[in-house]
Amino acid sequence: MGEPNHARRLTLIWLIATLIATPLVVVLVGPILPPGHASEQASGHVTDNTVLLGMATPVLLLVVIYLAYAIVYFRQPRGAALEGPPIRGNTRIQTVWLVVTSSLVLVLAVYGTVRLLADNGAGSGSGPKPVAKPPGPKLPVQVIAQQWAFTYRFPTYGGVETPHLELPRGQMIELHVTSLDVIHSFWAIQLGVKADANPQVDNVVFVKPAHLGRFEVRCAELCGIWHGQMFDYGHVVSPAAFRTWIHQQQVQFAPATKQLPPYKTTYLPEPVRRGE
């Protein structure tokens, strides 16, 4: 009995497994991928993660199936000490490999670029002059990082600065992320927002909260001994509840607001010099 065509058999097994597994992964696993659907940007992350997982599934199956196939059919018989055939290359396989891998990389590059532009940065910091900006009115909120806490300033509400963050549902938020001392990173996990906070840098990021609820805020850049304690919880509330909350903050922090310098996109690095 002649040697079977292993390449054909392996390809058939891989194709069948791919046709079965990829739709199941996309349909069953995709919707539960992080970070969830608390904002338009977070939902975009779920979509992107689903696309990447769907593209990675055939690759993973190829590796696993080939490994299992090799263990079953190509292992050396017990007690034997045989040498493999002197293979010096296969132009067809090498060409297919280069074409497929190059195509995957180019497709991902194009997809990633389109998604970043279409989603206005996809919840990531885009620097002081973002290339893609969402249309329509936006609520500006400044995120000020310092060792070891975030504070939030609202220039359209008299420049009041609050220790906690509440955002109105359904409104586009324009976050201006900066730092007073060292490098931090503002990470609103469930909102799908992550932007570096650098001293004297205005890092702009856009987010549109979609659902009421709580989200976790953490610093994602090692910033000192109490880095692990630099976290808080923010809330997405109704527009009416937000207006009530921000007016309460204006009254509560009115004495502190009078002592703050005028609103700017960046401040001097050290907190004690903010008034200079």
Protein backbone atom coordinates (compact mmCIF):
# COMPACT_ATOMS: atom_id res chain seq x y z
CA MET A 1 0.00 0.00 0.00
CA GLY A 2 1.48 3.35 -1.06
CA GLU A 3 2.09 6.36 1.15
CA PRO A 4 -1.07 8.50 1.46
CA ASN A 5 -1.08 12.11 0.30
CA HIS A 6 -0.54 13.69 3.70
CA ALA A 7 -0.76 17.25 2.43
CA ARG A 8 -4.17 16.65 0.87
CA ARG A 9 -5.45 14.80 3.92
CA LEU A 10 -4.15 17.45 6.32
CA THR A 11 -5.64 20.26 4.24
CA LEU A 12 -9.04 18.54 4.15
CA ILE A 13 -9.07 18.05 7.92
CA TRP A 14 -8.05 21.67 8.46
CA LEU A 15 -10.71 23.01 6.10
CA ILE A 16 -13.49 21.01 7.75
CA ALA A 17 -12.34 22.09 11.23
CA THR A 18 -12.10 25.72 10.11
CA LEU A 19 -15.59 25.74 8.56
CA ILE A 20 -17.04 24.36 11.78
CA ALA A 21 -14.99 26.19 14.42
CA THR A 22 -14.73 29.71 12.99
CA PRO A 23 -18.50 30.46 12.87
CA LEU A 24 -18.92 28.97 16.35
CA VAL A 25 -16.13 31.14 17.74
CA VAL A 26 -17.52 34.29 16.10
CA VAL A 27 -21.13 33.65 17.14
CA LEU A 28 -20.60 32.22 20.63
CA VAL A 29 -17.37 33.77 21.88
CA GLY A 30 -17.37 37.10 20.03
CA PRO A 31 -20.30 38.74 21.87
CA ILE A 32 -18.78 38.06 25.32
CA LEU A 33 -15.33 39.45 24.54
CA PRO A 34 -14.14 42.45 26.58
CA PRO A 35 -14.55 45.31 27.17
CA GLY A 36 -18.31 45.03 26.62
CA HIS A 37 -20.81 47.55 25.25
CA ALA A 38 -20.79 50.40 27.75
CA SER A 39 -19.85 52.87 25.02
CA GLU A 40 -19.71 53.10 21.24
CA GLN A 41 -15.93 52.73 21.44
CA ALA A 42 -16.17 49.65 23.67
CA SER A 43 -18.62 48.05 21.23
CA GLY A 44 -16.14 48.79 18.46
CA HIS A 45 -13.45 46.99 20.45
CA VAL A 46 -15.70 43.94 20.74
CA THR A 47 -16.23 43.99 16.98
CA ASP A 48 -12.50 44.30 16.33
CA ASN A 49 -11.66 41.55 18.81
CA THR A 50 -14.23 39.30 17.16
CA VAL A 51 -12.74 39.93 13.72
CA LEU A 52 -9.22 39.24 14.99
CA LEU A 53 -10.34 36.09 16.80
CA GLY A 54 -12.14 34.89 13.67
CA MET A 55 -9.00 35.42 11.60
CA ALA A 56 -6.78 33.78 14.22
CA THR A 57 -8.94 30.66 14.54
CA PRO A 58 -7.89 29.06 11.21
CA VAL A 59 -4.23 29.83 11.98
CA LEU A 60 -4.47 28.25 15.42
CA LEU A 61 -6.30 25.22 14.00
CA LEU A 62 -3.60 24.76 11.36
CA VAL A 63 -0.87 24.68 14.01
CA VAL A 64 -2.75 22.37 16.37
CA ILE A 65 -4.00 20.00 13.66
CA TYR A 66 -0.57 19.76 12.04
CA LEU A 67 1.01 19.03 15.43
CA ALA A 68 -1.54 16.30 16.20
CA TYR A 69 -1.23 14.85 12.69
CA ALA A 70 2.55 14.78 12.92
CA ILE A 71 2.45 13.04 16.30
CA VAL A 72 0.13 10.36 14.92
CA TYR A 73 1.57 9.74 11.45
CA PHE A 74 5.16 10.95 11.49
CA ARG A 75 6.45 9.72 14.83
CA GLN A 76 9.35 7.33 14.84
CA PRO A 77 8.53 3.66 15.51
CA ARG A 78 9.48 2.35 18.93
CA GLY A 79 13.05 1.11 19.00
CA ALA A 80 13.90 2.52 15.57
CA ALA A 81 16.55 5.13 14.81
CA LEU A 82 15.60 6.34 11.36
CA GLU A 83 16.73 9.45 9.56
CA GLY A 84 14.23 11.69 7.83
CA PRO A 85 14.32 12.29 4.08
CA PRO A 86 16.83 14.96 2.94
CA ILE A 87 14.34 17.70 2.11
CA ARG A 88 15.93 20.79 0.56
CA GLY A 89 12.90 23.03 0.15
CA ASN A 90 9.58 23.24 -1.61
CA THR A 91 9.04 26.31 -3.77
CA ARG A 92 5.27 25.85 -3.87
CA ILE A 93 4.90 25.70 -0.08
CA GLN A 94 7.25 28.65 0.43
CA THR A 95 5.35 30.75 -2.09
CA VAL A 96 1.97 29.91 -0.58
CA TRP A 97 3.31 30.69 2.89
CA LEU A 98 4.65 34.11 1.85
CA VAL A 99 1.48 35.04 -0.03
CA VAL A 100 -0.89 33.98 2.75
CA THR A 101 1.05 35.57 5.63
CA SER A 102 1.68 38.79 3.70
CA SER A 103 -1.99 39.02 2.77
CA LEU A 104 -3.05 38.55 6.39
CA VAL A 105 -0.71 41.30 7.59
CA LEU A 106 -1.83 43.74 4.88
CA VAL A 107 -5.51 43.04 5.49
CA LEU A 108 -5.07 43.63 9.22
CA ALA A 109 -3.13 46.84 8.57
CA VAL A 110 -5.85 48.21 6.30
CA TYR A 111 -8.64 47.08 8.64
CA GLY A 112 -6.96 48.62 11.68
CA THR A 113 -6.38 51.94 9.92
CA VAL A 114 -9.97 52.14 8.68
CA ARG A 115 -11.38 51.28 12.09
CA LEU A 116 -9.20 53.87 13.87
CA LEU A 117 -10.33 56.62 11.52
CA ALA A 118 -13.98 55.56 11.41
CA ASP A 119 -14.21 55.34 15.21
CA ASN A 120 -12.32 58.59 15.91
CA GLY A 121 -9.33 56.88 17.47
CA ALA A 122 -11.30 53.93 18.88
CA GLY A 123 -10.99 55.18 22.45
CA SER A 124 -7.24 55.76 22.33
CA GLY A 125 -5.36 58.99 22.86
CA SER A 126 -4.80 60.82 19.57
CA GLY A 127 -2.55 63.63 20.75
CA PRO A 128 -3.40 67.34 20.87
CA LYS A 129 -4.59 67.42 17.24
CA PRO A 130 -6.64 64.28 16.44
CA VAL A 131 -6.83 63.35 12.77
CA ALA A 132 -10.42 62.07 13.08
CA LYS A 133 -12.97 64.02 15.09
CA PRO A 134 -16.63 63.10 15.60
CA PRO A 135 -19.15 65.64 14.30
CA GLY A 136 -21.58 67.52 16.47
CA PRO A 137 -21.37 69.01 19.97
CA LYS A 138 -19.06 67.44 22.52
CA LEU A 139 -18.70 67.77 26.28
CA PRO A 140 -15.06 68.59 27.13
CA VAL A 141 -13.67 66.96 30.26
CA GLN A 142 -10.06 67.30 31.35
CA VAL A 143 -8.49 64.24 33.00
CA ILE A 144 -5.66 65.35 35.28
CA ALA A 145 -3.35 62.61 36.54
CA GLN A 146 -0.97 62.96 39.46
CA GLN A 147 0.58 60.68 42.05
CA TRP A 148 -1.68 58.94 42.84
CA ALA A 149 -5.14 59.97 41.72
CA PHE A 150 -7.14 61.28 38.79
CA THR A 151 -9.17 64.46 38.99
CA TYR A 152 -11.57 65.80 36.37
CA ARG A 153 -12.09 69.38 35.29
CA PHE A 154 -15.14 70.66 33.41
CA PRO A 155 -14.32 73.89 31.52
CA THR A 156 -17.92 74.45 30.38
CA TYR A 157 -19.07 74.43 34.02
CA GLY A 158 -16.86 77.16 35.38
CA GLY A 159 -13.71 75.05 35.44
CA VAL A 160 -14.83 73.04 38.46
CA GLU A 161 -12.51 70.14 39.28
CA THR A 162 -13.96 66.96 40.82
CA PRO A 163 -12.37 63.87 42.40
CA HIS A 164 -14.82 61.49 40.71
CA LEU A 165 -16.10 61.17 37.16
CA GLU A 166 -19.70 61.08 36.03
CA LEU A 167 -20.65 61.22 32.35
CA PRO A 168 -24.02 61.68 30.62
CA ARG A 169 -25.31 58.81 28.55
CA GLY A 170 -25.64 59.35 24.81
CA GLN A 171 -23.39 62.41 24.61
CA MET A 172 -20.01 62.53 22.90
CA ILE A 173 -17.28 63.27 25.44
CA GLU A 174 -13.99 64.91 24.50
CA LEU A 175 -11.42 63.91 27.09
CA HIS A 176 -8.24 65.95 27.43
CA VAL A 177 -5.77 63.78 29.30
CA THR A 178 -2.67 65.29 30.92
CA SER A 179 -0.41 64.88 33.97
CA LEU A 180 1.02 67.09 36.69
CA ASP A 181 4.08 65.03 37.52
CA VAL A 182 5.14 61.71 35.96
CA ILE A 183 3.76 59.60 33.11
CA HIS A 184 0.42 57.96 33.89
CA SER A 185 -2.20 56.26 31.72
CA PHE A 186 -5.94 56.87 32.05
CA TRP A 187 -7.81 53.61 31.51
CA ALA A 188 -11.62 53.60 31.74
CA ILE A 189 -11.93 49.87 31.23
CA GLN A 190 -15.59 49.26 30.46
CA LEU A 191 -15.77 52.39 28.27
CA GLY A 192 -12.95 51.13 26.07
CA VAL A 193 -10.83 54.23 26.74
CA LYS A 194 -7.07 54.22 27.29
CA ALA A 195 -4.86 57.29 26.87
CA ASP A 196 -1.42 58.16 28.20
CA ALA A 197 -1.22 61.09 30.59
CA ASN A 198 2.07 62.89 29.97
CA PRO A 199 3.28 66.12 31.62
CA GLN A 200 2.61 69.22 29.50
CA VAL A 201 0.88 67.12 26.80
CA ASP A 202 -2.81 67.36 25.85
CA ASN A 203 -3.84 63.86 24.76
CA VAL A 204 -7.36 63.95 23.29
CA VAL A 205 -9.67 60.93 23.24
CA PHE A 206 -13.35 60.64 22.33
CA VAL A 207 -15.96 58.41 23.92
CA LYS A 208 -19.74 58.19 23.78
CA PRO A 209 -21.28 56.32 26.74
CA ALA A 210 -24.15 54.09 25.66
CA HIS A 211 -25.49 52.50 28.85
CA LEU A 212 -26.09 53.57 32.43
CA GLY A 213 -23.79 51.98 34.97
CA ARG A 214 -20.45 51.94 36.68
CA PHE A 215 -17.05 51.73 35.02
CA GLU A 216 -13.62 51.18 36.50
CA VAL A 217 -10.83 53.73 36.16
CA ARG A 218 -7.21 52.65 36.59
CA CYS A 219 -3.75 53.94 35.88
CA ALA A 220 -2.16 51.61 33.32
CA GLU A 221 1.39 53.01 33.53
CA LEU A 222 3.75 52.23 36.41
CA CYS A 223 3.94 55.63 38.10
CA GLY A 224 5.42 55.07 41.54
CA ILE A 225 5.06 53.17 44.77
CA TRP A 226 1.27 53.60 45.06
CA HIS A 227 0.53 52.93 41.39
CA GLY A 228 -1.62 49.93 42.31
CA GLN A 229 -3.89 52.13 44.44
CA MET A 230 -4.53 54.64 41.66
CA PHE A 231 -8.02 53.57 40.75
CA ASP A 232 -11.61 54.72 41.15
CA TYR A 233 -15.10 54.07 39.83
CA GLY A 234 -16.91 56.39 37.44
CA HIS A 235 -20.57 56.38 36.51
CA VAL A 236 -22.62 56.86 33.37
CA VAL A 237 -25.87 58.59 34.30
CA SER A 238 -28.81 60.13 32.51
CA PRO A 239 -28.36 63.67 31.15
CA ALA A 240 -30.70 65.03 33.82
CA ALA A 241 -28.84 63.25 36.60
CA PHE A 242 -25.55 64.56 35.20
CA ARG A 243 -26.78 68.15 35.25
CA THR A 244 -27.89 67.74 38.85
CA TRP A 245 -24.55 66.19 39.81
CA ILE A 246 -22.36 68.80 38.09
CA HIS A 247 -24.28 71.67 39.69
CA GLN A 248 -23.77 70.02 43.08
CA GLN A 249 -20.06 69.81 42.36
CA GLN A 250 -19.96 73.47 41.39
CA VAL A 251 -21.46 74.45 44.73
CA GLN A 252 -19.39 72.03 46.80
CA PHE A 253 -16.04 72.93 45.23
CA ALA A 254 -16.67 76.65 44.65
CA PRO A 255 -13.99 77.70 47.20
CA ALA A 256 -11.40 75.43 45.57
CA THR A 257 -12.38 76.53 42.07
CA LYS A 258 -11.57 80.15 42.96
CA GLN A 259 -8.02 79.11 43.84
CA LEU A 260 -7.41 77.20 40.60
CA PRO A 261 -5.65 78.81 37.64
CA PRO A 262 -7.70 79.44 34.49
CA TYR A 263 -8.45 76.33 32.50
CA LYS A 264 -5.63 75.26 30.17
CA THR A 265 -5.05 72.07 28.24
CA THR A 266 -1.79 71.49 30.17
CA TYR A 267 -0.26 72.70 33.42
CA LEU A 268 3.21 72.91 34.87
CA PRO A 269 4.32 69.46 36.10
CA GLU A 270 4.32 70.04 39.86
CA PRO A 271 0.99 70.61 41.59
CA VAL A 272 2.38 73.43 43.78
CA ARG A 273 3.25 75.40 40.63
CA ARG A 274 -0.12 75.22 38.92
CA GLY A 275 -0.87 78.84 39.72
CA GLU A 276 2.28 80.18 38.10
